Every structure is written in C-alpha cells, then in structure tokens.
C-alpha atoms as a PDB file:
ATOM      1  CA  MET A   1    -163.460-127.901 188.706  1.00  0.00           C
ATOM      2  CA  LEU A   2    -165.171-126.650 185.570  1.00  0.00           C
ATOM      3  CA  THR A   3    -166.976-123.325 185.849  1.00  0.00           C
ATOM      4  CA  VAL A   4    -169.636-122.562 183.231  1.00  0.00           C
ATOM      5  CA  THR A   5    -170.644-118.935 182.761  1.00  0.00           C
ATOM      6  CA  ASP A   6    -174.313-117.967 182.482  1.00  0.00           C
ATOM      7  CA  GLU A   7    -173.576-116.716 178.953  1.00  0.00           C
ATOM      8  CA  ALA A   8    -172.234-120.168 178.032  1.00  0.00           C
ATOM      9  CA  LYS A   9    -175.281-121.881 179.543  1.00  0.00           C
ATOM     10  CA  THR A  10    -177.575-119.636 177.512  1.00  0.00           C
ATOM     11  CA  HIS A  11    -175.530-120.367 174.379  1.00  0.00           C
ATOM     12  CA  LEU A  12    -175.765-124.113 175.060  1.00  0.00           C
ATOM     13  CA  LYS A  13    -179.559-123.810 175.366  1.00  0.00           C
ATOM     14  CA  THR A  14    -179.615-122.024 172.005  1.00  0.00           C
ATOM     15  CA  LEU A  15    -177.595-124.863 170.441  1.00  0.00           C
ATOM     16  CA  ILE A  16    -180.000-127.431 171.910  1.00  0.00           C
ATOM     17  CA  ASP A  17    -183.027-125.516 170.611  1.00  0.00           C
ATOM     18  CA  GLN A  18    -181.489-125.109 167.136  1.00  0.00           C
ATOM     19  CA  SER A  19    -180.807-128.846 167.007  1.00  0.00           C
ATOM     20  CA  GLY A  20    -184.452-129.647 167.787  1.00  0.00           C
ATOM     21  CA  LEU A  21    -183.536-131.821 170.789  1.00  0.00           C
ATOM     22  CA  ASP A  22    -186.082-132.689 173.479  1.00  0.00           C
ATOM     23  CA  ASP A  23    -186.060-130.729 176.745  1.00  0.00           C
ATOM     24  CA  ASN A  24    -184.731-133.782 178.612  1.00  0.00           C
ATOM     25  CA  VAL A  25    -181.613-133.934 176.404  1.00  0.00           C
ATOM     26  CA  ALA A  26    -178.497-131.932 177.237  1.00  0.00           C
ATOM     27  CA  LEU A  27    -175.114-131.583 175.580  1.00  0.00           C
ATOM     28  CA  ARG A  28    -172.297-133.736 176.961  1.00  0.00           C
ATOM     29  CA  LEU A  29    -168.745-132.400 177.032  1.00  0.00           C
ATOM     30  CA  VAL A  30    -166.515-135.171 175.674  1.00  0.00           C
ATOM     31  CA  ALA A  31    -162.836-135.633 174.889  1.00  0.00           C
ATOM     32  CA  ASN A  32    -162.147-136.595 171.271  1.00  0.00           C
ATOM     33  CA  GLU A  33    -159.338-136.555 168.701  1.00  0.00           C
ATOM     34  CA  GLN A  34    -159.762-132.798 168.129  1.00  0.00           C
ATOM     35  CA  GLY A  35    -159.712-131.983 171.854  1.00  0.00           C
ATOM     36  CA  LEU A  36    -163.138-131.388 173.365  1.00  0.00           C
ATOM     37  CA  GLY A  37    -166.541-131.655 171.752  1.00  0.00           C
ATOM     38  CA  LEU A  38    -170.253-131.757 172.476  1.00  0.00           C
ATOM     39  CA  GLN A  39    -172.783-134.501 171.836  1.00  0.00           C
ATOM     40  CA  PRO A  40    -176.433-134.923 172.797  1.00  0.00           C
ATOM     41  CA  ASP A  41    -176.979-137.070 175.887  1.00  0.00           C
ATOM     42  CA  THR A  42    -178.851-137.291 179.172  1.00  0.00           C
ATOM     43  CA  ALA A  43    -177.390-136.877 182.643  1.00  0.00           C
ATOM     44  CA  LYS A  44    -176.091-139.898 184.519  1.00  0.00           C
ATOM     45  CA  ASP A  45    -175.681-140.243 188.291  1.00  0.00           C
ATOM     46  CA  THR A  46    -171.913-139.660 188.093  1.00  0.00           C
ATOM     47  CA  ASP A  47    -172.192-136.467 186.007  1.00  0.00           C
ATOM     48  CA  THR A  48    -171.988-132.857 186.994  1.00  0.00           C
ATOM     49  CA  ALA A  49    -175.001-131.128 185.448  1.00  0.00           C
ATOM     50  CA  TYR A  50    -175.281-127.434 184.599  1.00  0.00           C
ATOM     51  CA  THR A  51    -178.693-125.797 184.166  1.00  0.00           C
ATOM     52  CA  GLU A  52    -179.879-122.881 182.110  1.00  0.00           C
ATOM     53  CA  PRO A  53    -180.108-119.637 184.143  1.00  0.00           C
ATOM     54  CA  GLY A  54    -183.618-119.130 185.499  1.00  0.00           C
ATOM     55  CA  SER A  55    -184.664-122.654 184.570  1.00  0.00           C
ATOM     56  CA  GLU A  56    -184.280-126.237 185.694  1.00  0.00           C
ATOM     57  CA  ASN A  57    -183.384-127.417 182.181  1.00  0.00           C
ATOM     58  CA  THR A  58    -180.016-129.172 182.118  1.00  0.00           C
ATOM     59  CA  VAL A  59    -177.933-127.826 179.233  1.00  0.00           C
ATOM     60  CA  LEU A  60    -174.522-129.426 179.896  1.00  0.00           C
ATOM     61  CA  VAL A  61    -173.360-132.644 181.527  1.00  0.00           C
ATOM     62  CA  VAL A  62    -169.759-133.596 182.278  1.00  0.00           C
ATOM     63  CA  ASP A  63    -168.525-136.983 183.439  1.00  0.00           C
ATOM     64  CA  GLU A  64    -166.647-136.809 186.749  1.00  0.00           C
ATOM     65  CA  THR A  65    -163.517-138.352 185.160  1.00  0.00           C
ATOM     66  CA  LEU A  66    -163.326-135.676 182.454  1.00  0.00           C
ATOM     67  CA  ALA A  67    -164.153-132.948 184.977  1.00  0.00           C
ATOM     68  CA  GLY A  68    -161.197-134.085 187.090  1.00  0.00           C
ATOM     69  CA  LYS A  69    -158.863-133.973 184.087  1.00  0.00           C
ATOM     70  CA  LEU A  70    -159.989-130.469 183.117  1.00  0.00           C
ATOM     71  CA  GLY A  71    -159.017-128.930 186.441  1.00  0.00           C
ATOM     72  CA  ALA A  72    -159.930-125.329 187.182  1.00  0.00           C
ATOM     73  CA  VAL A  73    -161.093-123.971 183.834  1.00  0.00           C
ATOM     74  CA  THR A  74    -164.000-121.818 182.681  1.00  0.00           C
ATOM     75  CA  LEU A  75    -166.359-122.493 179.788  1.00  0.00           C
ATOM     76  CA  GLY A  76    -167.495-119.182 178.375  1.00  0.00           C
ATOM     77  CA  VAL A  77    -168.469-117.569 175.084  1.00  0.00           C
ATOM     78  CA  GLU A  78    -166.219-115.579 172.799  1.00  0.00           C
ATOM     79  CA  GLN A  79    -167.269-113.528 169.804  1.00  0.00           C
ATOM     80  CA  THR A  80    -165.572-114.351 166.505  1.00  0.00           C
ATOM     81  CA  ALA A  81    -166.033-113.181 162.922  1.00  0.00           C
ATOM     82  CA  GLU A  82    -168.308-116.207 162.448  1.00  0.00           C
ATOM     83  CA  GLY A  83    -170.361-115.387 165.564  1.00  0.00           C
ATOM     84  CA  ALA A  84    -170.455-116.588 169.149  1.00  0.00           C
ATOM     85  CA  ARG A  85    -168.628-119.793 170.079  1.00  0.00           C
ATOM     86  CA  LEU A  86    -167.840-121.655 173.263  1.00  0.00           C
ATOM     87  CA  ALA A  87    -164.319-121.303 174.593  1.00  0.00           C
ATOM     88  CA  ILE A  88    -162.440-122.799 177.539  1.00  0.00           C
ATOM     89  CA  THR A  89    -160.007-120.590 179.420  1.00  0.00           C
ATOM     90  CA  GLN A  90    -157.731-121.147 182.394  1.00  0.00           C
END
C-alpha cells in the first residue's frame, strides 16, 4: 500500500495551486513510459484519495490497480539542487 507523507501532500497542494487548478481537481499518479507521473484528474469510486493535512481537499488519487502494483512504498519529498521534488522510496 502506498503511504504519502504529510510533506508530500503539502507539496502536491502547492503544485495544484501553482497550476491554477480548481479545488475539486487533484493530481493522479499514473504509470507512463518514464515510470510514474502526475496528471490533473478527479477522484473515482475505485481510487484511493489522499487529502491535504488539516483540510478535506484531495491532492492525490491513485487507481486501485496501480496501488496494488506499487506495493509498500512511500511518496515523500526530497531536496535537490533544483528544489523540492516528489520521490518514491521502499
């Protein structure tokens, strides 16, 4: 099961705000040619939804099929020379 740190949820909210997306839009974790990516979307009944700390705003949605493939990993934030970025760790 995917664990999302509070720091990652806050970072996701920042990305949503910077993109000018509506409050009812979250970022969807998707598998693509490069590995994993994010795209704007809304939650579906079969998704796992993660909310911003201290709020009811959904910031990340993950399809149950992808969540099952990910296994026990954590989505967090790491600091790089270019700034903060999301990172998945075992």
